[in-house]
Amino acid sequence: RAAGRRSRRLFDIFVAEIPWTVSSKELKEYFSRYGSVQRCQLPFDRDTGFHKRYCWVKFSTPEDVQNVLQKDPHILEGSKLALKQQIRRRRSQRKNQSE
């Protein structure tokens, strides 16, 4: 699990409040309007088979991230998405904080 948490820090944006009916492909298409999307990770609940209504999105450039963050609100299928920029820390900063 720790490896999974670590990899999520590499994503640029955390998106919440995603409608149940929206797929990973639709999210990638939506965010591609603002720049080049490298990856969209939409986790699923094994028990229910539905996604967990949040995802992480990785863009190619910092400019793409800024394009997304400048637009508000983001609405998909009538629901307002909640976006939060992921803060990337350098390894040296993480090491200093853990000491």
PDB file of N, CA and C in Angstrom:
ATOM      1  N   ARG A   1       0.808  -1.215   0.000  1.00  0.00           N
ATOM      2  CA  ARG A   1       0.000   0.000   0.000  1.00  0.00           C
ATOM      3  C   ARG A   1       0.847   1.274   0.000  1.00  0.00           C
ATOM      4  N   ALA A   2       1.969   1.238   0.688  1.00  0.00           N
ATOM      5  CA  ALA A   2       2.821   2.427   0.734  1.00  0.00           C
ATOM      6  C   ALA A   2       3.289   2.816  -0.661  1.00  0.00           C
ATOM      7  N   ALA A   3       3.597   1.829  -1.481  1.00  0.00           N
ATOM      8  CA  ALA A   3       4.047   2.111  -2.853  1.00  0.00           C
ATOM      9  C   ALA A   3       2.937   2.814  -3.633  1.00  0.00           C
ATOM     10  N   GLY A   4       1.700   2.400  -3.441  1.00  0.00           N
ATOM     11  CA  GLY A   4       0.569   3.041  -4.107  1.00  0.00           C
ATOM     12  C   GLY A   4       0.421   4.482  -3.689  1.00  0.00           C
ATOM     13  N   ARG A   5       0.557   4.738  -2.404  1.00  0.00           N
ATOM     14  CA  ARG A   5       0.453   6.115  -1.903  1.00  0.00           C
ATOM     15  C   ARG A   5       1.575   6.978  -2.464  1.00  0.00           C
ATOM     16  N   ARG A   6       2.766   6.403  -2.541  1.00  0.00           N
ATOM     17  CA  ARG A   6       3.900   7.152  -3.073  1.00  0.00           C
ATOM     18  C   ARG A   6       3.664   7.529  -4.531  1.00  0.00           C
ATOM     19  N   SER A   7       3.147   6.601  -5.318  1.00  0.00           N
ATOM     20  CA  SER A   7       2.960   6.880  -6.746  1.00  0.00           C
ATOM     21  C   SER A   7       1.920   7.973  -6.955  1.00  0.00           C
ATOM     22  N   ARG A   8       0.939   8.091  -6.076  1.00  0.00           N
ATOM     23  CA  ARG A   8      -0.096   9.113  -6.234  1.00  0.00           C
ATOM     24  C   ARG A   8       0.472  10.522  -6.096  1.00  0.00           C
ATOM     25  N   ARG A   9       1.599  10.649  -5.411  1.00  0.00           N
ATOM     26  CA  ARG A   9       2.232  11.966  -5.283  1.00  0.00           C
ATOM     27  C   ARG A   9       2.750  12.459  -6.623  1.00  0.00           C
ATOM     28  N   LEU A  10       2.901  11.566  -7.574  1.00  0.00           N
ATOM     29  CA  LEU A  10       3.401  11.945  -8.884  1.00  0.00           C
ATOM     30  C   LEU A  10       2.300  12.547  -9.758  1.00  0.00           C
ATOM     31  N   PHE A  11       1.060  12.443  -9.305  1.00  0.00           N
ATOM     32  CA  PHE A  11      -0.051  13.013 -10.064  1.00  0.00           C
ATOM     33  C   PHE A  11      -0.159  14.499  -9.775  1.00  0.00           C
ATOM     34  N   ASP A  12      -0.749  15.230 -10.721  1.00  0.00           N
ATOM     35  CA  ASP A  12      -0.830  16.683 -10.598  1.00  0.00           C
ATOM     36  C   ASP A  12      -2.098  17.159  -9.899  1.00  0.00           C
ATOM     37  N   ILE A  13      -3.213  16.465 -10.152  1.00  0.00           N
ATOM     38  CA  ILE A  13      -4.496  16.941  -9.637  1.00  0.00           C
ATOM     39  C   ILE A  13      -5.290  15.786  -9.053  1.00  0.00           C
ATOM     40  N   PHE A  14      -5.911  16.050  -7.913  1.00  0.00           N
ATOM     41  CA  PHE A  14      -6.849  15.116  -7.293  1.00  0.00           C
ATOM     42  C   PHE A  14      -8.243  15.639  -7.617  1.00  0.00           C
ATOM     43  N   VAL A  15      -9.114  14.770  -8.113  1.00  0.00           N
ATOM     44  CA  VAL A  15     -10.470  15.163  -8.494  1.00  0.00           C
ATOM     45  C   VAL A  15     -11.461  14.346  -7.668  1.00  0.00           C
ATOM     46  N   ALA A  16     -12.406  15.038  -7.015  1.00  0.00           N
ATOM     47  CA  ALA A  16     -13.428  14.362  -6.208  1.00  0.00           C
ATOM     48  C   ALA A  16     -14.818  14.744  -6.709  1.00  0.00           C
ATOM     49  N   GLU A  17     -15.821  14.101  -6.139  1.00  0.00           N
ATOM     50  CA  GLU A  17     -17.231  14.345  -6.478  1.00  0.00           C
ATOM     51  C   GLU A  17     -17.550  13.934  -7.920  1.00  0.00           C
ATOM     52  N   ILE A  18     -16.914  12.885  -8.399  1.00  0.00           N
ATOM     53  CA  ILE A  18     -17.146  12.404  -9.759  1.00  0.00           C
ATOM     54  C   ILE A  18     -18.443  11.588  -9.777  1.00  0.00           C
ATOM     55  N   PRO A  19     -19.348  11.888 -10.701  1.00  0.00           N
ATOM     56  CA  PRO A  19     -20.588  11.095 -10.777  1.00  0.00           C
ATOM     57  C   PRO A  19     -20.294   9.619 -11.051  1.00  0.00           C
ATOM     58  N   TRP A  20     -21.139   8.735 -10.516  1.00  0.00           N
ATOM     59  CA  TRP A  20     -20.969   7.288 -10.687  1.00  0.00           C
ATOM     60  C   TRP A  20     -20.913   6.879 -12.153  1.00  0.00           C
ATOM     61  N   THR A  21     -21.617   7.634 -12.996  1.00  0.00           N
ATOM     62  CA  THR A  21     -21.775   7.251 -14.405  1.00  0.00           C
ATOM     63  C   THR A  21     -20.588   7.634 -15.286  1.00  0.00           C
ATOM     64  N   VAL A  22     -19.627   8.354 -14.745  1.00  0.00           N
ATOM     65  CA  VAL A  22     -18.474   8.816 -15.534  1.00  0.00           C
ATOM     66  C   VAL A  22     -17.350   7.778 -15.469  1.00  0.00           C
ATOM     67  N   SER A  23     -16.781   7.465 -16.635  1.00  0.00           N
ATOM     68  CA  SER A  23     -15.698   6.475 -16.712  1.00  0.00           C
ATOM     69  C   SER A  23     -14.334   7.158 -16.747  1.00  0.00           C
ATOM     70  N   SER A  24     -13.307   6.363 -16.584  1.00  0.00           N
ATOM     71  CA  SER A  24     -11.934   6.860 -16.661  1.00  0.00           C
ATOM     72  C   SER A  24     -11.672   7.466 -18.041  1.00  0.00           C
ATOM     73  N   LYS A  25     -12.176   6.805 -19.077  1.00  0.00           N
ATOM     74  CA  LYS A  25     -11.996   7.304 -20.442  1.00  0.00           C
ATOM     75  C   LYS A  25     -12.651   8.676 -20.609  1.00  0.00           C
ATOM     76  N   GLU A  26     -13.851   8.842 -20.073  1.00  0.00           N
ATOM     77  CA  GLU A  26     -14.547  10.133 -20.165  1.00  0.00           C
ATOM     78  C   GLU A  26     -13.803  11.224 -19.405  1.00  0.00           C
ATOM     79  N   LEU A  27     -13.246  10.878 -18.252  1.00  0.00           N
ATOM     80  CA  LEU A  27     -12.465  11.856 -17.483  1.00  0.00           C
ATOM     81  C   LEU A  27     -11.231  12.285 -18.260  1.00  0.00           C
ATOM     82  N   LYS A  28     -10.551  11.321 -18.855  1.00  0.00           N
ATOM     83  CA  LYS A  28      -9.353  11.632 -19.632  1.00  0.00           C
ATOM     84  C   LYS A  28      -9.706  12.539 -20.814  1.00  0.00           C
ATOM     85  N   GLU A  29     -10.808  12.229 -21.501  1.00  0.00           N
ATOM     86  CA  GLU A  29     -11.255  13.062 -22.622  1.00  0.00           C
ATOM     87  C   GLU A  29     -11.594  14.471 -22.149  1.00  0.00           C
ATOM     88  N   TYR A  30     -12.298  14.580 -21.019  1.00  0.00           N
ATOM     89  CA  TYR A  30     -12.687  15.890 -20.490  1.00  0.00           C
ATOM     90  C   TYR A  30     -11.445  16.733 -20.176  1.00  0.00           C
ATOM     91  N   PHE A  31     -10.513  16.170 -19.430  1.00  0.00           N
ATOM     92  CA  PHE A  31      -9.337  16.943 -19.017  1.00  0.00           C
ATOM     93  C   PHE A  31      -8.362  17.184 -20.169  1.00  0.00           C
ATOM     94  N   SER A  32      -8.466  16.415 -21.247  1.00  0.00           N
ATOM     95  CA  SER A  32      -7.623  16.637 -22.421  1.00  0.00           C
ATOM     96  C   SER A  32      -7.934  17.966 -23.109  1.00  0.00           C
ATOM     97  N   ARG A  33      -9.067  18.557 -22.801  1.00  0.00           N
ATOM     98  CA  ARG A  33      -9.394  19.887 -23.336  1.00  0.00           C
ATOM     99  C   ARG A  33      -8.403  20.940 -22.856  1.00  0.00           C
ATOM    100  N   TYR A  34      -7.796  20.685 -21.709  1.00  0.00           N
ATOM    101  CA  TYR A  34      -6.924  21.676 -21.072  1.00  0.00           C
ATOM    102  C   TYR A  34      -5.443  21.408 -21.285  1.00  0.00           C
ATOM    103  N   GLY A  35      -5.134  20.253 -21.831  1.00  0.00           N
ATOM    104  CA  GLY A  35      -3.739  19.903 -22.066  1.00  0.00           C
ATOM    105  C   GLY A  35      -3.600  18.410 -22.264  1.00  0.00           C
ATOM    106  N   SER A  36      -2.380  17.972 -22.380  1.00  0.00           N
ATOM    107  CA  SER A  36      -2.091  16.568 -22.635  1.00  0.00           C
ATOM    108  C   SER A  36      -2.142  15.765 -21.336  1.00  0.00           C
ATOM    109  N   VAL A  37      -3.094  14.832 -21.262  1.00  0.00           N
ATOM    110  CA  VAL A  37      -3.245  13.980 -20.082  1.00  0.00           C
ATOM    111  C   VAL A  37      -2.402  12.726 -20.277  1.00  0.00           C
ATOM    112  N   GLN A  38      -1.467  12.517 -19.378  1.00  0.00           N
ATOM    113  CA  GLN A  38      -0.627  11.321 -19.457  1.00  0.00           C
ATOM    114  C   GLN A  38      -1.338  10.116 -18.856  1.00  0.00           C
ATOM    115  N   ARG A  39      -2.069  10.367 -17.760  1.00  0.00           N
ATOM    116  CA  ARG A  39      -2.679   9.248 -17.041  1.00  0.00           C
ATOM    117  C   ARG A  39      -3.839   9.729 -16.197  1.00  0.00           C
ATOM    118  N   CYS A  40      -4.841   8.877 -16.077  1.00  0.00           N
ATOM    119  CA  CYS A  40      -5.985   9.145 -15.217  1.00  0.00           C
ATOM    120  C   CYS A  40      -6.234   7.880 -14.410  1.00  0.00           C
ATOM    121  N   GLN A  41      -6.102   7.967 -13.103  1.00  0.00           N
ATOM    122  CA  GLN A  41      -6.266   6.793 -12.240  1.00  0.00           C
ATOM    123  C   GLN A  41      -7.563   6.934 -11.448  1.00  0.00           C
ATOM    124  N   LEU A  42      -8.532   6.061 -11.760  1.00  0.00           N
ATOM    125  CA  LEU A  42      -9.850   6.070 -11.133  1.00  0.00           C
ATOM    126  C   LEU A  42     -10.012   4.755 -10.373  1.00  0.00           C
ATOM    127  N   PRO A  43      -9.810   4.759  -9.041  1.00  0.00           N
ATOM    128  CA  PRO A  43      -9.871   3.506  -8.282  1.00  0.00           C
ATOM    129  C   PRO A  43     -11.297   2.972  -8.123  1.00  0.00           C
ATOM    130  N   PHE A  44     -11.398   1.653  -8.135  1.00  0.00           N
ATOM    131  CA  PHE A  44     -12.693   0.982  -7.972  1.00  0.00           C
ATOM    132  C   PHE A  44     -12.765   0.267  -6.630  1.00  0.00           C
ATOM    133  N   ASP A  45     -13.975   0.142  -6.121  1.00  0.00           N
ATOM    134  CA  ASP A  45     -14.248  -0.595  -4.890  1.00  0.00           C
ATOM    135  C   ASP A  45     -14.512  -2.043  -5.286  1.00  0.00           C
ATOM    136  N   ARG A  46     -13.718  -2.959  -4.800  1.00  0.00           N
ATOM    137  CA  ARG A  46     -13.870  -4.371  -5.173  1.00  0.00           C
ATOM    138  C   ARG A  46     -15.219  -4.937  -4.731  1.00  0.00           C
ATOM    139  N   ASP A  47     -15.736  -4.467  -3.604  1.00  0.00           N
ATOM    140  CA  ASP A  47     -16.991  -5.006  -3.079  1.00  0.00           C
ATOM    141  C   ASP A  47     -18.196  -4.573  -3.904  1.00  0.00           C
ATOM    142  N   THR A  48     -18.242  -3.304  -4.277  1.00  0.00           N
ATOM    143  CA  THR A  48     -19.420  -2.791  -4.988  1.00  0.00           C
ATOM    144  C   THR A  48     -19.274  -2.844  -6.507  1.00  0.00           C
ATOM    145  N   GLY A  49     -18.028  -2.820  -7.001  1.00  0.00           N
ATOM    146  CA  GLY A  49     -17.808  -2.788  -8.439  1.00  0.00           C
ATOM    147  C   GLY A  49     -17.897  -1.385  -9.027  1.00  0.00           C
ATOM    148  N   PHE A  50     -18.223  -0.404  -8.200  1.00  0.00           N
ATOM    149  CA  PHE A  50     -18.296   0.989  -8.642  1.00  0.00           C
ATOM    150  C   PHE A  50     -16.988   1.699  -8.327  1.00  0.00           C
ATOM    151  N   HIS A  51     -16.714   2.781  -9.086  1.00  0.00           N
ATOM    152  CA  HIS A  51     -15.522   3.552  -8.736  1.00  0.00           C
ATOM    153  C   HIS A  51     -15.804   4.360  -7.468  1.00  0.00           C
ATOM    154  N   LYS A  52     -14.747   4.856  -6.860  1.00  0.00           N
ATOM    155  CA  LYS A  52     -14.851   5.507  -5.552  1.00  0.00           C
ATOM    156  C   LYS A  52     -15.172   6.998  -5.621  1.00  0.00           C
ATOM    157  N   ARG A  53     -15.515   7.504  -6.821  1.00  0.00           N
ATOM    158  CA  ARG A  53     -15.937   8.885  -7.032  1.00  0.00           C
ATOM    159  C   ARG A  53     -14.801   9.900  -6.890  1.00  0.00           C
ATOM    160  N   TYR A  54     -13.557   9.421  -6.994  1.00  0.00           N
ATOM    161  CA  TYR A  54     -12.418  10.332  -7.040  1.00  0.00           C
ATOM    162  C   TYR A  54     -11.351   9.727  -7.944  1.00  0.00           C
ATOM    163  N   CYS A  55     -10.439  10.589  -8.415  1.00  0.00           N
ATOM    164  CA  CYS A  55      -9.350  10.096  -9.263  1.00  0.00           C
ATOM    165  C   CYS A  55      -8.154  11.030  -9.164  1.00  0.00           C
ATOM    166  N   TRP A  56      -7.063  10.595  -9.762  1.00  0.00           N
ATOM    167  CA  TRP A  56      -5.854  11.403  -9.889  1.00  0.00           C
ATOM    168  C   TRP A  56      -5.580  11.578 -11.364  1.00  0.00           C
ATOM    169  N   VAL A  57      -5.148  12.774 -11.753  1.00  0.00           N
ATOM    170  CA  VAL A  57      -4.861  13.056 -13.155  1.00  0.00           C
ATOM    171  C   VAL A  57      -3.431  13.573 -13.271  1.00  0.00           C
ATOM    172  N   LYS A  58      -2.695  13.032 -14.238  1.00  0.00           N
ATOM    173  CA  LYS A  58      -1.303  13.441 -14.500  1.00  0.00           C
ATOM    174  C   LYS A  58      -1.254  14.115 -15.860  1.00  0.00           C
ATOM    175  N   PHE A  59      -0.740  15.348 -15.888  1.00  0.00           N
ATOM    176  CA  PHE A  59      -0.599  16.103 -17.130  1.00  0.00           C
ATOM    177  C   PHE A  59       0.857  16.113 -17.583  1.00  0.00           C
ATOM    178  N   SER A  60       1.062  16.460 -18.865  1.00  0.00           N
ATOM    179  CA  SER A  60       2.417  16.473 -19.432  1.00  0.00           C
ATOM    180  C   SER A  60       3.243  17.654 -18.963  1.00  0.00           C
ATOM    181  N   THR A  61       2.594  18.824 -18.770  1.00  0.00           N
ATOM    182  CA  THR A  61       3.360  20.023 -18.410  1.00  0.00           C
ATOM    183  C   THR A  61       2.681  20.794 -17.278  1.00  0.00           C
ATOM    184  N   PRO A  62       3.450  21.605 -16.555  1.00  0.00           N
ATOM    185  CA  PRO A  62       2.856  22.463 -15.523  1.00  0.00           C
ATOM    186  C   PRO A  62       1.847  23.451 -16.113  1.00  0.00           C
ATOM    187  N   GLU A  63       2.052  23.848 -17.365  1.00  0.00           N
ATOM    188  CA  GLU A  63       1.113  24.777 -18.022  1.00  0.00           C
ATOM    189  C   GLU A  63      -0.259  24.127 -18.187  1.00  0.00           C
ATOM    190  N   ASP A  64      -0.273  22.833 -18.506  1.00  0.00           N
ATOM    191  CA  ASP A  64      -1.541  22.105 -18.628  1.00  0.00           C
ATOM    192  C   ASP A  64      -2.288  22.115 -17.294  1.00  0.00           C
ATOM    193  N   VAL A  65      -1.544  21.922 -16.220  1.00  0.00           N
ATOM    194  CA  VAL A  65      -2.146  21.923 -14.875  1.00  0.00           C
ATOM    195  C   VAL A  65      -2.765  23.285 -14.593  1.00  0.00           C
ATOM    196  N   GLN A  66      -2.027  24.352 -14.907  1.00  0.00           N
ATOM    197  CA  GLN A  66      -2.544  25.700 -14.668  1.00  0.00           C
ATOM    198  C   GLN A  66      -3.793  25.986 -15.502  1.00  0.00           C
ATOM    199  N   ASN A  67      -3.833  25.485 -16.741  1.00  0.00           N
ATOM    200  CA  ASN A  67      -5.014  25.653 -17.583  1.00  0.00           C
ATOM    201  C   ASN A  67      -6.249  25.060 -16.912  1.00  0.00           C
ATOM    202  N   VAL A  68      -6.098  23.883 -16.325  1.00  0.00           N
ATOM    203  CA  VAL A  68      -7.222  23.216 -15.655  1.00  0.00           C
ATOM    204  C   VAL A  68      -7.638  23.992 -14.419  1.00  0.00           C
ATOM    205  N   LEU A  69      -6.659  24.397 -13.633  1.00  0.00           N
ATOM    206  CA  LEU A  69      -6.965  25.062 -12.364  1.00  0.00           C
ATOM    207  C   LEU A  69      -7.581  26.446 -12.555  1.00  0.00           C
ATOM    208  N   GLN A  70      -7.295  27.088 -13.696  1.00  0.00           N
ATOM    209  CA  GLN A  70      -7.840  28.419 -13.947  1.00  0.00           C
ATOM    210  C   GLN A  70      -9.325  28.381 -14.279  1.00  0.00           C
ATOM    211  N   LYS A  71      -9.803  27.244 -14.777  1.00  0.00           N
ATOM    212  CA  LYS A  71     -11.221  27.147 -15.103  1.00  0.00           C
ATOM    213  C   LYS A  71     -11.983  26.655 -13.874  1.00  0.00           C
ATOM    214  N   ASP A  72     -13.064  27.315 -13.575  1.00  0.00           N
ATOM    215  CA  ASP A  72     -13.895  26.881 -12.459  1.00  0.00           C
ATOM    216  C   ASP A  72     -15.300  27.373 -12.722  1.00  0.00           C
ATOM    217  N   PRO A  73     -16.309  26.619 -12.577  1.00  0.00           N
ATOM    218  CA  PRO A  73     -16.296  25.238 -12.115  1.00  0.00           C
ATOM    219  C   PRO A  73     -16.104  24.239 -13.256  1.00  0.00           C
ATOM    220  N   HIS A  74     -15.750  23.030 -12.863  1.00  0.00           N
ATOM    221  CA  HIS A  74     -15.686  21.905 -13.801  1.00  0.00           C
ATOM    222  C   HIS A  74     -16.943  21.083 -13.542  1.00  0.00           C
ATOM    223  N   ILE A  75     -17.772  20.926 -14.581  1.00  0.00           N
ATOM    224  CA  ILE A  75     -19.031  20.203 -14.411  1.00  0.00           C
ATOM    225  C   ILE A  75     -19.112  19.053 -15.405  1.00  0.00           C
ATOM    226  N   LEU A  76     -19.356  17.869 -14.876  1.00  0.00           N
ATOM    227  CA  LEU A  76     -19.526  16.672 -15.702  1.00  0.00           C
ATOM    228  C   LEU A  76     -20.863  16.031 -15.334  1.00  0.00           C
ATOM    229  N   GLU A  77     -21.686  15.806 -16.348  1.00  0.00           N
ATOM    230  CA  GLU A  77     -23.002  15.196 -16.159  1.00  0.00           C
ATOM    231  C   GLU A  77     -23.791  15.874 -15.038  1.00  0.00           C
ATOM    232  N   GLY A  78     -23.718  17.191 -14.989  1.00  0.00           N
ATOM    233  CA  GLY A  78     -24.498  17.961 -14.028  1.00  0.00           C
ATOM    234  C   GLY A  78     -23.904  18.073 -12.640  1.00  0.00           C
ATOM    235  N   SER A  79     -22.775  17.436 -12.393  1.00  0.00           N
ATOM    236  CA  SER A  79     -22.139  17.489 -11.075  1.00  0.00           C
ATOM    237  C   SER A  79     -20.864  18.315 -11.121  1.00  0.00           C
ATOM    238  N   LYS A  80     -20.687  19.148 -10.107  1.00  0.00           N
ATOM    239  CA  LYS A  80     -19.483  19.966 -10.011  1.00  0.00           C
ATOM    240  C   LYS A  80     -18.352  19.124  -9.416  1.00  0.00           C
ATOM    241  N   LEU A  81     -17.253  19.064 -10.143  1.00  0.00           N
ATOM    242  CA  LEU A  81     -16.088  18.327  -9.670  1.00  0.00           C
ATOM    243  C   LEU A  81     -15.286  19.194  -8.704  1.00  0.00           C
ATOM    244  N   ALA A  82     -14.698  18.563  -7.716  1.00  0.00           N
ATOM    245  CA  ALA A  82     -13.829  19.267  -6.768  1.00  0.00           C
ATOM    246  C   ALA A  82     -12.387  18.934  -7.129  1.00  0.00           C
ATOM    247  N   LEU A  83     -11.613  19.958  -7.530  1.00  0.00           N
ATOM    248  CA  LEU A  83     -10.220  19.753  -7.921  1.00  0.00           C
ATOM    249  C   LEU A  83      -9.276  20.295  -6.863  1.00  0.00           C
ATOM    250  N   LYS A  84      -8.191  19.584  -6.678  1.00  0.00           N
ATOM    251  CA  LYS A  84      -7.181  20.011  -5.721  1.00  0.00           C
ATOM    252  C   LYS A  84      -5.817  19.681  -6.314  1.00  0.00           C
ATOM    253  N   GLN A  85      -4.954  20.668  -6.350  1.00  0.00           N
ATOM    254  CA  GLN A  85      -3.616  20.437  -6.899  1.00  0.00           C
ATOM    255  C   GLN A  85      -2.788  19.621  -5.921  1.00  0.00           C
ATOM    256  N   GLN A  86      -2.103  18.617  -6.446  1.00  0.00           N
ATOM    257  CA  GLN A  86      -1.212  17.801  -5.630  1.00  0.00           C
ATOM    258  C   GLN A  86       0.116  18.539  -5.507  1.00  0.00           C
ATOM    259  N   ILE A  87       0.625  18.629  -4.320  1.00  0.00           N
ATOM    260  CA  ILE A  87       1.910  19.303  -4.104  1.00  0.00           C
ATOM    261  C   ILE A  87       3.022  18.271  -4.188  1.00  0.00           C
ATOM    262  N   ARG A  88       3.926  18.516  -5.108  1.00  0.00           N
ATOM    263  CA  ARG A  88       5.072  17.607  -5.251  1.00  0.00           C
ATOM    264  C   ARG A  88       6.192  18.078  -4.357  1.00  0.00           C
ATOM    265  N   ARG A  89       6.736  17.146  -3.609  1.00  0.00           N
ATOM    266  CA  ARG A  89       7.881  17.480  -2.764  1.00  0.00           C
ATOM    267  C   ARG A  89       9.116  16.794  -3.313  1.00  0.00           C
ATOM    268  N   ARG A  90      10.218  17.464  -3.182  1.00  0.00           N
ATOM    269  CA  ARG A  90      11.481  16.837  -3.589  1.00  0.00           C
ATOM    270  C   ARG A  90      11.856  15.800  -2.539  1.00  0.00           C
ATOM    271  N   ARG A  91      12.637  14.831  -2.965  1.00  0.00           N
ATOM    272  CA  ARG A  91      13.056  13.787  -2.029  1.00  0.00           C
ATOM    273  C   ARG A  91      13.756  14.366  -0.808  1.00  0.00           C
ATOM    274  N   SER A  92      14.582  15.377  -1.002  1.00  0.00           N
ATOM    275  CA  SER A  92      15.315  15.964   0.117  1.00  0.00           C
ATOM    276  C   SER A  92      14.359  16.602   1.116  1.00  0.00           C
ATOM    277  N   GLN A  93      13.265  17.202   0.633  1.00  0.00           N
ATOM    278  CA  GLN A  93      12.293  17.798   1.546  1.00  0.00           C
ATOM    279  C   GLN A  93      11.562  16.723   2.352  1.00  0.00           C
ATOM    280  N   ARG A  94      11.208  15.613   1.684  1.00  0.00           N
ATOM    281  CA  ARG A  94      10.518  14.531   2.384  1.00  0.00           C
ATOM    282  C   ARG A  94      11.425  13.924   3.446  1.00  0.00           C
ATOM    283  N   LYS A  95      12.710  13.748   3.106  1.00  0.00           N
ATOM    284  CA  LYS A  95      13.648  13.139   4.047  1.00  0.00           C
ATOM    285  C   LYS A  95      13.801  14.033   5.287  1.00  0.00           C
ATOM    286  N   ASN A  96      13.908  15.347   5.061  1.00  0.00           N
ATOM    287  CA  ASN A  96      14.069  16.277   6.183  1.00  0.00           C
ATOM    288  C   ASN A  96      12.847  16.285   7.086  1.00  0.00           C
ATOM    289  N   GLN A  97      11.660  16.134   6.533  1.00  0.00           N
ATOM    290  CA  GLN A  97      10.450  16.148   7.339  1.00  0.00           C
ATOM    291  C   GLN A  97      10.298  14.896   8.173  1.00  0.00           C
ATOM    292  N   SER A  98      10.824  13.773   7.693  1.00  0.00           N
ATOM    293  CA  SER A  98      10.672  12.517   8.428  1.00  0.00           C
ATOM    294  C   SER A  98      11.696  12.378   9.554  1.00  0.00           C
ATOM    295  N   GLU A  99      12.718  13.197   9.537  1.00  0.00           N
ATOM    296  CA  GLU A  99      13.762  13.090  10.567  1.00  0.00           C
ATOM    297  C   GLU A  99      13.367  13.779  11.841  1.00  0.00           C
TER     298      GLU A  99
END
